[in-house]
PDB file of N, CA and C in Angstrom:
ATOM      1  N   MET A   1       2.664 -12.208  14.337  1.00  0.00           N
ATOM      2  CA  MET A   1       2.280 -11.947  12.969  1.00  0.00           C
ATOM      3  C   MET A   1       1.157 -12.893  12.574  1.00  0.00           C
ATOM      4  N   VAL A   2       0.282 -12.398  11.762  1.00  0.00           N
ATOM      5  CA  VAL A   2      -0.876 -13.151  11.313  1.00  0.00           C
ATOM      6  C   VAL A   2      -0.440 -14.412  10.551  1.00  0.00           C
ATOM      7  N   GLN A   3      -1.192 -15.465  10.732  1.00  0.00           N
ATOM      8  CA  GLN A   3      -0.894 -16.741  10.087  1.00  0.00           C
ATOM      9  C   GLN A   3      -1.646 -16.859   8.769  1.00  0.00           C
ATOM     10  N   GLY A   4      -1.132 -16.239   7.721  1.00  0.00           N
ATOM     11  CA  GLY A   4      -1.740 -16.328   6.400  1.00  0.00           C
ATOM     12  C   GLY A   4      -2.849 -15.317   6.185  1.00  0.00           C
ATOM     13  N   PRO A   5      -3.265 -15.178   4.943  1.00  0.00           N
ATOM     14  CA  PRO A   5      -4.319 -14.214   4.606  1.00  0.00           C
ATOM     15  C   PRO A   5      -5.653 -14.565   5.257  1.00  0.00           C
ATOM     16  N   LYS A   6      -6.415 -13.535   5.536  1.00  0.00           N
ATOM     17  CA  LYS A   6      -7.759 -13.685   6.084  1.00  0.00           C
ATOM     18  C   LYS A   6      -8.739 -12.997   5.140  1.00  0.00           C
ATOM     19  N   SER A   7     -10.001 -13.337   5.237  1.00  0.00           N
ATOM     20  CA  SER A   7     -11.015 -12.596   4.484  1.00  0.00           C
ATOM     21  C   SER A   7     -11.245 -11.277   5.211  1.00  0.00           C
ATOM     22  N   SER A   8     -11.813 -10.306   4.521  1.00  0.00           N
ATOM     23  CA  SER A   8     -12.057  -9.013   5.160  1.00  0.00           C
ATOM     24  C   SER A   8     -13.047  -9.158   6.314  1.00  0.00           C
ATOM     25  N   GLY A   9     -14.048 -10.001   6.137  1.00  0.00           N
ATOM     26  CA  GLY A   9     -15.020 -10.230   7.208  1.00  0.00           C
ATOM     27  C   GLY A   9     -14.375 -10.825   8.443  1.00  0.00           C
ATOM     28  N   GLU A  10     -13.473 -11.779   8.237  1.00  0.00           N
ATOM     29  CA  GLU A  10     -12.783 -12.397   9.361  1.00  0.00           C
ATOM     30  C   GLU A  10     -11.863 -11.391  10.045  1.00  0.00           C
ATOM     31  N   ALA A  11     -11.196 -10.551   9.269  1.00  0.00           N
ATOM     32  CA  ALA A  11     -10.302  -9.543   9.836  1.00  0.00           C
ATOM     33  C   ALA A  11     -11.077  -8.558  10.705  1.00  0.00           C
ATOM     34  N   VAL A  12     -12.231  -8.116  10.248  1.00  0.00           N
ATOM     35  CA  VAL A  12     -13.048  -7.179  11.022  1.00  0.00           C
ATOM     36  C   VAL A  12     -13.610  -7.874  12.262  1.00  0.00           C
ATOM     37  N   ARG A  13     -13.985  -9.127  12.132  1.00  0.00           N
ATOM     38  CA  ARG A  13     -14.474  -9.892  13.295  1.00  0.00           C
ATOM     39  C   ARG A  13     -13.390  -9.978  14.367  1.00  0.00           C
ATOM     40  N   LEU A  14     -12.148 -10.257  13.956  1.00  0.00           N
ATOM     41  CA  LEU A  14     -11.028 -10.323  14.894  1.00  0.00           C
ATOM     42  C   LEU A  14     -10.740  -8.955  15.507  1.00  0.00           C
ATOM     43  N   LEU A  15     -10.916  -7.901  14.718  1.00  0.00           N
ATOM     44  CA  LEU A  15     -10.726  -6.544  15.231  1.00  0.00           C
ATOM     45  C   LEU A  15     -11.751  -6.234  16.322  1.00  0.00           C
ATOM     46  N   ARG A  16     -13.005  -6.577  16.072  1.00  0.00           N
ATOM     47  CA  ARG A  16     -14.047  -6.346  17.081  1.00  0.00           C
ATOM     48  C   ARG A  16     -13.771  -7.142  18.356  1.00  0.00           C
ATOM     49  N   LYS A  17     -13.324  -8.367  18.189  1.00  0.00           N
ATOM     50  CA  LYS A  17     -13.011  -9.225  19.334  1.00  0.00           C
ATOM     51  C   LYS A  17     -11.873  -8.625  20.156  1.00  0.00           C
ATOM     52  N   ALA A  18     -10.829  -8.137  19.488  1.00  0.00           N
ATOM     53  CA  ALA A  18      -9.695  -7.528  20.180  1.00  0.00           C
ATOM     54  C   ALA A  18     -10.115  -6.251  20.902  1.00  0.00           C
ATOM     55  N   ALA A  19     -10.981  -5.459  20.277  1.00  0.00           N
ATOM     56  CA  ALA A  19     -11.455  -4.216  20.898  1.00  0.00           C
ATOM     57  C   ALA A  19     -12.266  -4.510  22.154  1.00  0.00           C
ATOM     58  N   ARG A  20     -13.154  -5.500  22.079  1.00  0.00           N
ATOM     59  CA  ARG A  20     -13.955  -5.867  23.259  1.00  0.00           C
ATOM     60  C   ARG A  20     -13.073  -6.382  24.387  1.00  0.00           C
ATOM     61  N   ALA A  21     -12.045  -7.154  24.038  1.00  0.00           N
ATOM     62  CA  ALA A  21     -11.151  -7.715  25.052  1.00  0.00           C
ATOM     63  C   ALA A  21     -10.333  -6.615  25.738  1.00  0.00           C
ATOM     64  N   LYS A  22      -9.991  -5.582  24.988  1.00  0.00           N
ATOM     65  CA  LYS A  22      -9.174  -4.492  25.537  1.00  0.00           C
ATOM     66  C   LYS A  22     -10.012  -3.562  26.412  1.00  0.00           C
ATOM     67  N   ASP A  23     -11.186  -3.195  25.943  1.00  0.00           N
ATOM     68  CA  ASP A  23     -12.060  -2.278  26.688  1.00  0.00           C
ATOM     69  C   ASP A  23     -13.490  -2.465  26.183  1.00  0.00           C
ATOM     70  N   LYS A  24     -14.386  -2.814  27.059  1.00  0.00           N
ATOM     71  CA  LYS A  24     -15.775  -3.109  26.679  1.00  0.00           C
ATOM     72  C   LYS A  24     -16.509  -1.902  26.091  1.00  0.00           C
ATOM     73  N   THR A  25     -16.015  -0.684  26.339  1.00  0.00           N
ATOM     74  CA  THR A  25     -16.692   0.508  25.831  1.00  0.00           C
ATOM     75  C   THR A  25     -16.233   0.891  24.426  1.00  0.00           C
ATOM     76  N   TRP A  26     -15.181   0.272  23.914  1.00  0.00           N
ATOM     77  CA  TRP A  26     -14.679   0.601  22.584  1.00  0.00           C
ATOM     78  C   TRP A  26     -15.595   0.007  21.519  1.00  0.00           C
ATOM     79  N   THR A  27     -15.719   0.718  20.408  1.00  0.00           N
ATOM     80  CA  THR A  27     -16.522   0.238  19.293  1.00  0.00           C
ATOM     81  C   THR A  27     -15.682   0.220  18.020  1.00  0.00           C
ATOM     82  N   VAL A  28     -16.094  -0.608  17.079  1.00  0.00           N
ATOM     83  CA  VAL A  28     -15.443  -0.707  15.774  1.00  0.00           C
ATOM     84  C   VAL A  28     -16.510  -0.404  14.732  1.00  0.00           C
ATOM     85  N   SER A  29     -16.209   0.520  13.835  1.00  0.00           N
ATOM     86  CA  SER A  29     -17.157   0.807  12.773  1.00  0.00           C
ATOM     87  C   SER A  29     -16.449   1.283  11.523  1.00  0.00           C
ATOM     88  N   GLU A  30     -17.174   1.205  10.437  1.00  0.00           N
ATOM     89  CA  GLU A  30     -16.663   1.636   9.147  1.00  0.00           C
ATOM     90  C   GLU A  30     -16.545   3.158   9.139  1.00  0.00           C
ATOM     91  N   VAL A  31     -15.457   3.667   8.617  1.00  0.00           N
ATOM     92  CA  VAL A  31     -15.228   5.109   8.580  1.00  0.00           C
ATOM     93  C   VAL A  31     -16.014   5.699   7.413  1.00  0.00           C
ATOM     94  N   THR A  32     -16.763   6.752   7.704  1.00  0.00           N
ATOM     95  CA  THR A  32     -17.539   7.431   6.667  1.00  0.00           C
ATOM     96  C   THR A  32     -17.149   8.904   6.632  1.00  0.00           C
ATOM     97  N   SER A  33     -17.409   9.544   5.512  1.00  0.00           N
ATOM     98  CA  SER A  33     -17.140  10.972   5.378  1.00  0.00           C
ATOM     99  C   SER A  33     -18.235  11.766   6.075  1.00  0.00           C
ATOM    100  N   ASP A  34     -18.090  13.082   6.093  1.00  0.00           N
ATOM    101  CA  ASP A  34     -19.104  13.946   6.699  1.00  0.00           C
ATOM    102  C   ASP A  34     -20.449  13.793   6.001  1.00  0.00           C
ATOM    103  N   ARG A  35     -20.415  13.388   4.744  1.00  0.00           N
ATOM    104  CA  ARG A  35     -21.648  13.225   3.968  1.00  0.00           C
ATOM    105  C   ARG A  35     -22.212  11.815   4.057  1.00  0.00           C
ATOM    106  N   GLY A  36     -21.619  10.981   4.895  1.00  0.00           N
ATOM    107  CA  GLY A  36     -22.123   9.631   5.086  1.00  0.00           C
ATOM    108  C   GLY A  36     -21.614   8.607   4.096  1.00  0.00           C
ATOM    109  N   ARG A  37     -20.709   9.021   3.208  1.00  0.00           N
ATOM    110  CA  ARG A  37     -20.152   8.076   2.236  1.00  0.00           C
ATOM    111  C   ARG A  37     -19.024   7.279   2.866  1.00  0.00           C
ATOM    112  N   LYS A  38     -18.891   6.024   2.441  1.00  0.00           N
ATOM    113  CA  LYS A  38     -17.828   5.175   2.949  1.00  0.00           C
ATOM    114  C   LYS A  38     -16.480   5.731   2.523  1.00  0.00           C
ATOM    115  N   ARG A  39     -15.491   5.659   3.442  1.00  0.00           N
ATOM    116  CA  ARG A  39     -14.151   6.129   3.144  1.00  0.00           C
ATOM    117  C   ARG A  39     -13.300   4.954   2.701  1.00  0.00           C
ATOM    118  N   GLY A  40     -12.427   5.172   1.764  1.00  0.00           N
ATOM    119  CA  GLY A  40     -11.530   4.152   1.258  1.00  0.00           C
ATOM    120  C   GLY A  40     -11.073   4.526  -0.129  1.00  0.00           C
ATOM    121  N   LYS A  41     -10.314   3.646  -0.735  1.00  0.00           N
ATOM    122  CA  LYS A  41      -9.826   3.908  -2.076  1.00  0.00           C
ATOM    123  C   LYS A  41     -10.010   2.647  -2.908  1.00  0.00           C
ATOM    124  N   GLY A  42     -10.727   2.779  -4.006  1.00  0.00           N
ATOM    125  CA  GLY A  42     -10.959   1.621  -4.857  1.00  0.00           C
ATOM    126  C   GLY A  42     -11.766   0.576  -4.129  1.00  0.00           C
ATOM    127  N   SER A  43     -11.216  -0.616  -4.045  1.00  0.00           N
ATOM    128  CA  SER A  43     -11.940  -1.714  -3.396  1.00  0.00           C
ATOM    129  C   SER A  43     -11.591  -1.835  -1.915  1.00  0.00           C
ATOM    130  N   HIS A  44     -11.000  -0.804  -1.323  1.00  0.00           N
ATOM    131  CA  HIS A  44     -10.653  -0.830   0.097  1.00  0.00           C
ATOM    132  C   HIS A  44     -11.625   0.023   0.909  1.00  0.00           C
ATOM    133  N   VAL A  45     -11.936  -0.453   2.100  1.00  0.00           N
ATOM    134  CA  VAL A  45     -12.826   0.251   3.016  1.00  0.00           C
ATOM    135  C   VAL A  45     -12.082   0.441   4.334  1.00  0.00           C
ATOM    136  N   MET A  46     -12.227   1.620   4.930  1.00  0.00           N
ATOM    137  CA  MET A  46     -11.554   1.942   6.184  1.00  0.00           C
ATOM    138  C   MET A  46     -12.413   1.518   7.383  1.00  0.00           C
ATOM    139  N   TRP A  47     -11.758   0.936   8.384  1.00  0.00           N
ATOM    140  CA  TRP A  47     -12.393   0.583   9.650  1.00  0.00           C
ATOM    141  C   TRP A  47     -11.604   1.248  10.762  1.00  0.00           C
ATOM    142  N   ALA A  48     -12.276   1.652  11.825  1.00  0.00           N
ATOM    143  CA  ALA A  48     -11.611   2.333  12.935  1.00  0.00           C
ATOM    144  C   ALA A  48     -12.145   1.834  14.269  1.00  0.00           C
ATOM    145  N   VAL A  49     -11.300   1.998  15.296  1.00  0.00           N
ATOM    146  CA  VAL A  49     -11.677   1.698  16.677  1.00  0.00           C
ATOM    147  C   VAL A  49     -11.890   3.038  17.373  1.00  0.00           C
ATOM    148  N   TYR A  50     -13.019   3.157  18.083  1.00  0.00           N
ATOM    149  CA  TYR A  50     -13.376   4.392  18.787  1.00  0.00           C
ATOM    150  C   TYR A  50     -13.548   4.107  20.278  1.00  0.00           C
ATOM    151  N   ASP A  51     -13.153   5.079  21.108  1.00  0.00           N
ATOM    152  CA  ASP A  51     -13.389   4.932  22.547  1.00  0.00           C
ATOM    153  C   ASP A  51     -14.812   5.370  22.878  1.00  0.00           C
ATOM    154  N   ALA A  52     -15.160   5.351  24.167  1.00  0.00           N
ATOM    155  CA  ALA A  52     -16.526   5.662  24.594  1.00  0.00           C
ATOM    156  C   ALA A  52     -16.929   7.096  24.244  1.00  0.00           C
ATOM    157  N   ALA A  53     -15.961   8.011  24.159  1.00  0.00           N
ATOM    158  CA  ALA A  53     -16.255   9.406  23.833  1.00  0.00           C
ATOM    159  C   ALA A  53     -16.362   9.642  22.329  1.00  0.00           C
ATOM    160  N   GLY A  54     -16.093   8.607  21.529  1.00  0.00           N
ATOM    161  CA  GLY A  54     -16.165   8.733  20.084  1.00  0.00           C
ATOM    162  C   GLY A  54     -14.866   9.165  19.433  1.00  0.00           C
ATOM    163  N   THR A  55     -13.782   9.183  20.197  1.00  0.00           N
ATOM    164  CA  THR A  55     -12.466   9.537  19.664  1.00  0.00           C
ATOM    165  C   THR A  55     -11.877   8.346  18.913  1.00  0.00           C
ATOM    166  N   GLU A  56     -11.409   8.584  17.708  1.00  0.00           N
ATOM    167  CA  GLU A  56     -10.798   7.512  16.921  1.00  0.00           C
ATOM    168  C   GLU A  56      -9.432   7.167  17.512  1.00  0.00           C
ATOM    169  N   LEU A  57      -9.222   5.887  17.789  1.00  0.00           N
ATOM    170  CA  LEU A  57      -7.970   5.420  18.381  1.00  0.00           C
ATOM    171  C   LEU A  57      -7.012   4.877  17.328  1.00  0.00           C
ATOM    172  N   ALA A  58      -7.531   4.226  16.308  1.00  0.00           N
ATOM    173  CA  ALA A  58      -6.715   3.666  15.224  1.00  0.00           C
ATOM    174  C   ALA A  58      -7.626   3.324  14.061  1.00  0.00           C
ATOM    175  N   ARG A  59      -7.029   3.270  12.853  1.00  0.00           N
ATOM    176  CA  ARG A  59      -7.806   2.885  11.666  1.00  0.00           C
ATOM    177  C   ARG A  59      -6.945   2.075  10.720  1.00  0.00           C
ATOM    178  N   GLY A  60      -7.627   1.271   9.901  1.00  0.00           N
ATOM    179  CA  GLY A  60      -6.960   0.450   8.897  1.00  0.00           C
ATOM    180  C   GLY A  60      -7.941   0.120   7.789  1.00  0.00           C
ATOM    181  N   SER A  61      -7.434  -0.455   6.703  1.00  0.00           N
ATOM    182  CA  SER A  61      -8.319  -0.744   5.577  1.00  0.00           C
ATOM    183  C   SER A  61      -8.272  -2.216   5.195  1.00  0.00           C
ATOM    184  N   VAL A  62      -9.409  -2.683   4.687  1.00  0.00           N
ATOM    185  CA  VAL A  62      -9.546  -4.042   4.169  1.00  0.00           C
ATOM    186  C   VAL A  62     -10.164  -3.953   2.780  1.00  0.00           C
ATOM    187  N   THR A  63     -10.048  -5.015   2.028  1.00  0.00           N
ATOM    188  CA  THR A  63     -10.648  -5.043   0.696  1.00  0.00           C
ATOM    189  C   THR A  63     -12.112  -5.456   0.801  1.00  0.00           C
ATOM    190  N   THR A  64     -12.878  -5.153  -0.239  1.00  0.00           N
ATOM    191  CA  THR A  64     -14.301  -5.485  -0.214  1.00  0.00           C
ATOM    192  C   THR A  64     -14.635  -6.680  -1.101  1.00  0.00           C
ATOM    193  N   HIS A  65     -13.658  -7.193  -1.832  1.00  0.00           N
ATOM    194  CA  HIS A  65     -13.955  -8.321  -2.711  1.00  0.00           C
ATOM    195  C   HIS A  65     -14.059  -9.617  -1.912  1.00  0.00           C
ATOM    196  N   PRO A  66     -14.759 -10.608  -2.435  1.00  0.00           N
ATOM    197  CA  PRO A  66     -14.912 -11.875  -1.717  1.00  0.00           C
ATOM    198  C   PRO A  66     -13.599 -12.652  -1.662  1.00  0.00           C
ATOM    199  N   GLY A  67     -13.507 -13.526  -0.708  1.00  0.00           N
ATOM    200  CA  GLY A  67     -12.306 -14.354  -0.569  1.00  0.00           C
ATOM    201  C   GLY A  67     -11.275 -13.701   0.326  1.00  0.00           C
ATOM    202  N   ASP A  68     -10.117 -14.351   0.415  1.00  0.00           N
ATOM    203  CA  ASP A  68      -9.050 -13.860   1.281  1.00  0.00           C
ATOM    204  C   ASP A  68      -8.397 -12.617   0.704  1.00  0.00           C
ATOM    205  N   MET A  69      -7.947 -11.745   1.612  1.00  0.00           N
ATOM    206  CA  MET A  69      -7.182 -10.574   1.205  1.00  0.00           C
ATOM    207  C   MET A  69      -5.782 -11.049   0.812  1.00  0.00           C
ATOM    208  N   SER A  70      -5.009 -10.200   0.178  1.00  0.00           N
ATOM    209  CA  SER A  70      -3.674 -10.583  -0.278  1.00  0.00           C
ATOM    210  C   SER A  70      -2.709 -10.737   0.894  1.00  0.00           C
ATOM    211  N   TRP A  71      -1.543 -11.284   0.592  1.00  0.00           N
ATOM    212  CA  TRP A  71      -0.503 -11.478   1.590  1.00  0.00           C
ATOM    213  C   TRP A  71       0.054 -10.147   2.090  1.00  0.00           C
ATOM    214  N   THR A  72      -0.182  -9.061   1.399  1.00  0.00           N
ATOM    215  CA  THR A  72       0.288  -7.755   1.867  1.00  0.00           C
ATOM    216  C   THR A  72      -0.795  -6.989   2.608  1.00  0.00           C
ATOM    217  N   VAL A  73      -2.046  -7.140   2.213  1.00  0.00           N
ATOM    218  CA  VAL A  73      -3.134  -6.397   2.865  1.00  0.00           C
ATOM    219  C   VAL A  73      -3.394  -6.932   4.268  1.00  0.00           C
ATOM    220  N   THR A  74      -3.415  -8.236   4.450  1.00  0.00           N
ATOM    221  CA  THR A  74      -3.711  -8.820   5.767  1.00  0.00           C
ATOM    222  C   THR A  74      -2.699  -8.386   6.825  1.00  0.00           C
ATOM    223  N   PRO A  75      -1.382  -8.546   6.605  1.00  0.00           N
ATOM    224  CA  PRO A  75      -0.424  -8.083   7.616  1.00  0.00           C
ATOM    225  C   PRO A  75      -0.445  -6.560   7.793  1.00  0.00           C
ATOM    226  N   GLY A  76      -0.772  -5.832   6.720  1.00  0.00           N
ATOM    227  CA  GLY A  76      -0.881  -4.387   6.827  1.00  0.00           C
ATOM    228  C   GLY A  76      -2.013  -3.970   7.751  1.00  0.00           C
ATOM    229  N   PHE A  77      -3.132  -4.671   7.646  1.00  0.00           N
ATOM    230  CA  PHE A  77      -4.271  -4.400   8.523  1.00  0.00           C
ATOM    231  C   PHE A  77      -3.900  -4.694   9.969  1.00  0.00           C
ATOM    232  N   GLU A  78      -3.213  -5.791  10.189  1.00  0.00           N
ATOM    233  CA  GLU A  78      -2.777  -6.124  11.547  1.00  0.00           C
ATOM    234  C   GLU A  78      -1.823  -5.059  12.075  1.00  0.00           C
ATOM    235  N   ALA A  79      -0.908  -4.602  11.251  1.00  0.00           N
ATOM    236  CA  ALA A  79       0.072  -3.591  11.663  1.00  0.00           C
ATOM    237  C   ALA A  79      -0.599  -2.257  11.998  1.00  0.00           C
ATOM    238  N   ASP A  80      -1.685  -1.932  11.310  1.00  0.00           N
ATOM    239  CA  ASP A  80      -2.397  -0.678  11.569  1.00  0.00           C
ATOM    240  C   ASP A  80      -2.900  -0.580  13.008  1.00  0.00           C
ATOM    241  N   PHE A  81      -3.155  -1.711  13.638  1.00  0.00           N
ATOM    242  CA  PHE A  81      -3.722  -1.715  14.987  1.00  0.00           C
ATOM    243  C   PHE A  81      -2.758  -2.253  16.051  1.00  0.00           C
ATOM    244  N   GLU A  82      -1.494  -2.512  15.684  1.00  0.00           N
ATOM    245  CA  GLU A  82      -0.525  -3.061  16.641  1.00  0.00           C
ATOM    246  C   GLU A  82      -0.241  -2.126  17.798  1.00  0.00           C
ATOM    247  N   ASP A  83      -0.199  -0.820  17.551  1.00  0.00           N
ATOM    248  CA  ASP A  83       0.053   0.119  18.651  1.00  0.00           C
ATOM    249  C   ASP A  83      -1.053   0.057  19.696  1.00  0.00           C
ATOM    250  N   LEU A  84      -2.240  -0.263  19.272  1.00  0.00           N
ATOM    251  CA  LEU A  84      -3.394  -0.312  20.162  1.00  0.00           C
ATOM    252  C   LEU A  84      -3.522  -1.654  20.883  1.00  0.00           C
ATOM    253  N   PHE A  85      -3.326  -2.751  20.148  1.00  0.00           N
ATOM    254  CA  PHE A  85      -3.572  -4.083  20.711  1.00  0.00           C
ATOM    255  C   PHE A  85      -2.316  -4.912  20.964  1.00  0.00           C
ATOM    256  N   GLY A  86      -1.183  -4.480  20.482  1.00  0.00           N
ATOM    257  CA  GLY A  86       0.057  -5.226  20.675  1.00  0.00           C
ATOM    258  C   GLY A  86       0.378  -6.113  19.490  1.00  0.00           C
ATOM    259  N   LYS A  87       1.618  -6.507  19.413  1.00  0.00           N
ATOM    260  CA  LYS A  87       2.096  -7.331  18.302  1.00  0.00           C
ATOM    261  C   LYS A  87       1.397  -8.691  18.312  1.00  0.00           C
ATOM    262  N   GLY A  88       0.973  -9.125  17.137  1.00  0.00           N
ATOM    263  CA  GLY A  88       0.346 -10.443  17.011  1.00  0.00           C
ATOM    264  C   GLY A  88      -1.095 -10.517  17.486  1.00  0.00           C
ATOM    265  N   TRP A  89      -1.783  -9.386  17.576  1.00  0.00           N
ATOM    266  CA  TRP A  89      -3.153  -9.389  18.094  1.00  0.00           C
ATOM    267  C   TRP A  89      -4.109 -10.195  17.231  1.00  0.00           C
ATOM    268  N   MET A  90      -3.829 -10.263  15.949  1.00  0.00           N
ATOM    269  CA  MET A  90      -4.744 -10.943  15.031  1.00  0.00           C
ATOM    270  C   MET A  90      -4.525 -12.443  15.063  1.00  0.00           C
TER     271      MET A  90
END
């Protein structure tokens, strides 16, 4: 389990690091709609891990405000990717 709240930037950085460690061909990017608009709700933005063929493997959301995310958002983001990277990946 994650050790305390992280900023959204730090969470995405850790996600990219975990994706590279698992498979060098995987990419992490912000999820957008068909019209190119960012996906999310309110101050949350969706991020996803994609394989080399462009298939989405997992997705999760982070907040866009500055500072650390809440005690519920940070572990939720970690949980969104646990099936892909294993427990405690963050």
